[in-house]
Amino acid sequence: MPSTELKTTFNTAAVLYEDIRPGYPEELIQDIVELSGINDHSRILEVGCGTGKATQPFAERGYELVCLDIGADLIAVARERLRKYPNVSFVQQAFEAWKPEGTFDLIISATAFHWIDPKVRYLKAFQVLKSNGCLAVFANQHVRKGEGFFAESQSLYDKYYAPMTTNRSTHATNFPGVEAFRSPIRRVYPWTQTYSSEQYIKLLGTYSGHIALPDENRNLLFEGITNLIETKYDGQVTKHYEAVLDFRQTN
């Protein structure tokens, strides 16, 4: 599967994504609110809402949100999850092709901005933001990959997994339009999550590269990982995360 098509894989795992993918630290959400200075009348655009993991904390605060995603199944799950919030609406369309109605005070994009065409990301974000509008890009990143289970499982990946090389950098300074924004504020929020072997396999089943593997390779990889966790790590694995925020305001 070409790397440009990997972003479509998440829609095939929408229910699993909702079930097992983590959300984002409350401190990060509150920092976005405070840094952006949004108020009760502010409009938020979410680029790549998925199943609404990042949408909900803003919906709960009462902000008007327009949420974009290319996945019909992902949006269906998000609509069900957020059905009690009339301030949230959804559009099934890519950010690159979407034609906005009006402008926004804040754009948020959680673990999705890197999928946007790099020639369009910042240019269009600037176009749809009001004067002094803000862009908050954030994601959970796995750290301490070279320790314990993660180091030991690498032999299974070497055998069954052929990763694709993709140009998905988000925190860059040379994309067209980035000069329309002030210097970014970058904050990091460490946290951990412990998974059973079953939960960890479910989590892997929501990653685009794993979804795109041939069935035989994926099954053998997952069997090997399950066996490793059960026999050498007491049936559970702790993953160290950093939620990373890249916050920018227009010039």
Protein backbone atom coordinates (compact mmCIF):
# COMPACT_ATOMS: atom_id res chain seq x y z
CA MET A 1 0.00 0.00 0.00
CA PRO A 2 1.46 3.39 -0.94
CA SER A 3 2.27 5.59 2.02
CA THR A 4 -0.25 8.19 0.86
CA GLU A 5 -3.01 5.61 1.33
CA LEU A 6 -2.02 4.65 4.88
CA LYS A 7 -4.20 7.44 6.26
CA THR A 8 -7.28 5.60 4.99
CA THR A 9 -6.52 2.48 7.05
CA PHE A 10 -7.84 3.91 10.32
CA ASN A 11 -11.41 3.85 9.04
CA THR A 12 -11.24 0.03 8.86
CA ALA A 13 -10.53 -0.10 12.60
CA ALA A 14 -12.91 2.60 13.83
CA VAL A 15 -14.53 0.61 16.65
CA LEU A 16 -11.21 -0.78 17.82
CA TYR A 17 -9.69 2.70 17.67
CA GLU A 18 -12.41 4.04 19.94
CA ASP A 19 -12.03 1.09 22.30
CA ILE A 20 -8.28 1.12 22.88
CA ARG A 21 -6.57 4.30 21.62
CA PRO A 22 -5.72 6.67 24.48
CA GLY A 23 -6.91 10.22 24.82
CA TYR A 24 -4.79 13.21 25.78
CA PRO A 25 -3.74 14.64 29.16
CA GLU A 26 -6.13 17.14 30.68
CA GLU A 27 -3.19 19.48 31.31
CA LEU A 28 -2.53 19.62 27.56
CA ILE A 29 -6.16 20.45 26.78
CA GLN A 30 -6.24 23.17 29.43
CA ASP A 31 -3.00 24.66 28.12
CA ILE A 32 -4.53 24.93 24.65
CA VAL A 33 -7.56 26.72 26.08
CA GLU A 34 -5.40 29.16 28.04
CA LEU A 35 -2.79 29.77 25.33
CA SER A 36 -5.43 30.42 22.67
CA GLY A 37 -7.58 32.63 24.87
CA ILE A 38 -10.78 31.15 23.40
CA ASN A 39 -14.08 32.09 25.00
CA ASP A 40 -17.70 30.96 24.99
CA HIS A 41 -18.25 32.41 21.51
CA SER A 42 -15.15 30.92 19.88
CA ARG A 43 -15.28 28.50 16.95
CA ILE A 44 -12.94 25.52 16.75
CA LEU A 45 -12.08 23.51 13.66
CA GLU A 46 -10.76 20.00 14.26
CA VAL A 47 -8.71 18.46 11.46
CA GLY A 48 -8.83 14.66 11.56
CA CYS A 49 -11.23 14.10 14.44
CA GLY A 50 -11.19 10.30 14.23
CA THR A 51 -13.56 8.89 16.82
CA GLY A 52 -13.56 12.06 18.89
CA LYS A 53 -10.79 11.30 21.38
CA ALA A 54 -9.63 14.93 21.39
CA THR A 55 -13.02 16.38 20.48
CA GLN A 56 -14.80 15.47 23.69
CA PRO A 57 -12.87 17.64 26.19
CA PHE A 58 -13.54 20.72 24.03
CA ALA A 59 -17.18 19.71 23.48
CA GLU A 60 -17.63 19.34 27.24
CA ARG A 61 -16.44 22.92 27.68
CA GLY A 62 -19.21 24.11 25.34
CA TYR A 63 -17.19 25.35 22.37
CA GLU A 64 -18.64 25.22 18.87
CA LEU A 65 -16.69 22.59 16.91
CA VAL A 66 -16.63 21.67 13.23
CA CYS A 67 -14.88 18.32 12.92
CA LEU A 68 -13.38 16.99 9.69
CA ASP A 69 -12.36 13.44 8.88
CA ILE A 70 -12.09 11.33 5.71
CA GLY A 71 -13.43 8.18 7.40
CA ALA A 72 -17.19 7.56 7.36
CA ASP A 73 -16.95 4.87 10.05
CA LEU A 74 -14.74 7.02 12.25
CA ILE A 75 -17.24 9.87 12.04
CA ALA A 76 -20.11 7.49 12.78
CA VAL A 77 -18.40 6.43 16.01
CA ALA A 78 -17.61 10.05 16.89
CA ARG A 79 -21.22 11.12 16.29
CA GLU A 80 -22.47 8.40 18.62
CA ARG A 81 -19.87 9.25 21.24
CA LEU A 82 -20.74 12.96 21.15
CA ARG A 83 -24.45 12.77 20.39
CA LYS A 84 -25.38 14.79 23.49
CA TYR A 85 -23.35 17.81 22.35
CA PRO A 86 -25.34 19.96 19.89
CA ASN A 87 -22.35 22.30 19.61
CA VAL A 88 -20.42 19.68 17.58
CA SER A 89 -20.88 19.03 13.86
CA PHE A 90 -19.04 16.67 11.51
CA VAL A 91 -17.95 16.84 7.88
CA GLN A 92 -16.63 13.82 6.00
CA GLN A 93 -14.00 15.45 3.84
CA ALA A 94 -10.25 15.93 3.61
CA PHE A 95 -8.95 19.24 4.91
CA GLU A 96 -7.24 19.87 1.58
CA ALA A 97 -10.57 19.76 -0.34
CA TRP A 98 -12.88 21.24 2.30
CA LYS A 99 -14.46 24.63 1.61
CA PRO A 100 -15.05 26.44 4.91
CA GLU A 101 -18.00 28.56 5.88
CA GLY A 102 -16.59 31.42 7.89
CA THR A 103 -13.38 31.53 9.89
CA PHE A 104 -12.24 29.98 13.16
CA ASP A 105 -10.54 31.11 16.35
CA LEU A 106 -8.66 27.86 16.85
CA ILE A 107 -7.68 24.81 14.81
CA ILE A 108 -6.86 21.61 16.68
CA SER A 109 -5.40 18.47 15.15
CA ALA A 110 -4.65 15.42 17.29
CA THR A 111 -2.36 12.76 15.82
CA ALA A 112 -3.55 13.76 12.34
CA PHE A 113 -1.81 16.89 11.07
CA HIS A 114 1.13 14.92 9.68
CA TRP A 115 -1.24 13.23 7.20
CA ILE A 116 -2.16 16.56 5.58
CA ASP A 117 -0.40 17.44 2.34
CA PRO A 118 2.68 19.42 3.48
CA LYS A 119 2.14 21.93 0.69
CA VAL A 120 -1.30 22.73 2.14
CA ARG A 121 -1.07 22.28 5.93
CA TYR A 122 -0.08 25.74 7.09
CA LEU A 123 -1.30 27.72 4.10
CA LYS A 124 -4.87 26.56 4.50
CA ALA A 125 -4.74 26.68 8.28
CA PHE A 126 -3.80 30.35 8.05
CA GLN A 127 -6.57 30.99 5.51
CA VAL A 128 -9.34 29.62 7.72
CA LEU A 129 -8.18 31.27 10.95
CA LYS A 130 -9.31 34.66 12.17
CA SER A 131 -6.77 37.38 12.89
CA ASN A 132 -4.65 36.23 15.84
CA GLY A 133 -6.11 32.76 15.44
CA CYS A 134 -4.28 29.72 16.79
CA LEU A 135 -3.20 26.29 15.60
CA ALA A 136 -2.70 23.50 18.16
CA VAL A 137 -1.14 20.31 16.83
CA PHE A 138 -0.60 17.50 19.32
CA ALA A 139 0.05 13.77 19.51
CA ASN A 140 1.01 10.96 21.84
CA GLN A 141 4.52 9.70 21.13
CA HIS A 142 6.07 6.48 22.35
CA VAL A 143 9.36 7.03 24.17
CA ARG A 144 11.92 4.65 25.72
CA LYS A 145 11.53 2.29 22.76
CA GLY A 146 14.91 0.67 23.27
CA GLU A 147 14.19 -0.84 26.69
CA GLY A 148 12.87 -4.18 27.92
CA PHE A 149 9.97 -5.62 25.97
CA PHE A 150 10.24 -3.08 23.17
CA ALA A 151 13.90 -3.91 22.53
CA GLU A 152 13.25 -7.63 22.74
CA SER A 153 10.26 -7.52 20.39
CA GLN A 154 12.37 -5.88 17.67
CA SER A 155 13.45 -9.29 16.33
CA LEU A 156 9.78 -10.05 15.57
CA TYR A 157 9.46 -6.79 13.68
CA ASP A 158 12.63 -7.54 11.76
CA LYS A 159 11.08 -10.82 10.69
CA TYR A 160 7.46 -9.89 9.95
CA TYR A 161 7.19 -6.13 9.58
CA ALA A 162 8.39 -4.05 6.66
CA PRO A 163 7.85 -0.42 7.68
CA MET A 164 7.15 2.17 5.03
CA THR A 165 9.21 5.31 4.79
CA THR A 166 6.89 8.28 4.94
CA ASN A 167 7.54 12.00 5.13
CA ARG A 168 5.23 12.80 8.02
CA SER A 169 7.14 15.38 10.02
CA THR A 170 4.79 17.81 11.73
CA HIS A 171 7.14 20.04 13.71
CA ALA A 172 8.94 21.66 10.78
CA THR A 173 9.85 25.18 9.80
CA ASN A 174 10.10 24.90 6.02
CA PHE A 175 6.53 24.08 5.00
CA PRO A 176 4.76 26.65 2.81
CA GLY A 177 2.76 29.06 4.93
CA VAL A 178 4.50 28.35 8.23
CA GLU A 179 5.98 31.86 8.11
CA ALA A 180 2.46 33.23 8.64
CA PHE A 181 2.65 31.94 12.22
CA ARG A 182 4.70 33.13 15.16
CA SER A 183 7.42 30.94 16.65
CA PRO A 184 5.81 27.82 18.12
CA ILE A 185 5.31 27.06 21.78
CA ARG A 186 6.21 23.42 22.38
CA ARG A 187 5.23 21.56 25.54
CA VAL A 188 5.65 17.92 26.56
CA TYR A 189 3.45 15.92 28.94
CA PRO A 190 4.86 12.54 30.06
CA TRP A 191 2.51 9.73 31.08
CA THR A 192 2.36 5.93 31.13
CA GLN A 193 -0.19 3.24 30.36
CA THR A 194 -0.05 -0.46 31.25
CA TYR A 195 -1.65 -2.95 28.84
CA SER A 196 -2.48 -6.62 29.10
CA SER A 197 -1.26 -8.67 26.15
CA GLU A 198 -4.79 -8.62 24.69
CA GLN A 199 -5.07 -4.86 25.08
CA TYR A 200 -1.65 -4.29 23.58
CA ILE A 201 -2.48 -6.35 20.49
CA LYS A 202 -5.68 -4.33 20.11
CA LEU A 203 -3.61 -1.14 20.30
CA LEU A 204 -1.22 -2.37 17.61
CA GLY A 205 -4.26 -3.19 15.49
CA THR A 206 -5.06 0.55 15.29
CA TYR A 207 -1.67 1.57 13.86
CA SER A 208 -1.67 2.19 10.14
CA GLY A 209 1.49 0.21 9.38
CA HIS A 210 0.18 -2.83 11.25
CA ILE A 211 -3.25 -2.63 9.59
CA ALA A 212 -1.59 -2.51 6.17
CA LEU A 213 0.50 -5.67 6.73
CA PRO A 214 -0.41 -8.84 4.86
CA ASP A 215 -2.71 -10.95 7.05
CA GLU A 216 -0.16 -13.72 7.53
CA ASN A 217 2.60 -11.34 8.61
CA ARG A 218 0.28 -9.48 10.98
CA ASN A 219 -0.99 -12.71 12.56
CA LEU A 220 2.51 -14.10 13.07
CA LEU A 221 3.73 -10.78 14.47
CA PHE A 222 0.83 -10.55 16.91
CA GLU A 223 1.22 -14.18 17.99
CA GLY A 224 4.90 -13.63 18.68
CA ILE A 225 4.27 -10.44 20.65
CA THR A 226 1.51 -12.07 22.70
CA ASN A 227 3.76 -15.02 23.54
CA LEU A 228 6.60 -12.70 24.54
CA ILE A 229 4.39 -10.63 26.87
CA GLU A 230 2.81 -13.69 28.46
CA THR A 231 5.99 -15.71 29.00
CA LYS A 232 8.56 -13.04 29.89
CA TYR A 233 6.64 -9.97 31.06
CA ASP A 234 3.97 -11.39 33.36
CA GLY A 235 1.19 -10.79 30.87
CA GLN A 236 1.49 -7.01 30.71
CA VAL A 237 3.58 -4.23 29.24
CA THR A 238 3.93 -0.61 30.31
CA LYS A 239 4.25 1.95 27.56
CA HIS A 240 5.87 5.33 28.24
CA TYR A 241 4.28 8.18 26.33
CA GLU A 242 4.91 11.85 25.83
CA ALA A 243 2.01 13.96 24.66
CA VAL A 244 3.65 16.70 22.59
CA LEU A 245 1.95 20.03 21.87
CA ASP A 246 3.02 22.35 19.03
CA PHE A 247 1.10 25.61 19.47
CA ARG A 248 1.23 28.50 16.99
CA GLN A 249 -0.54 31.84 16.65
CA THR A 250 -0.89 33.78 13.42
CA ASN A 251 1.24 36.87 12.92
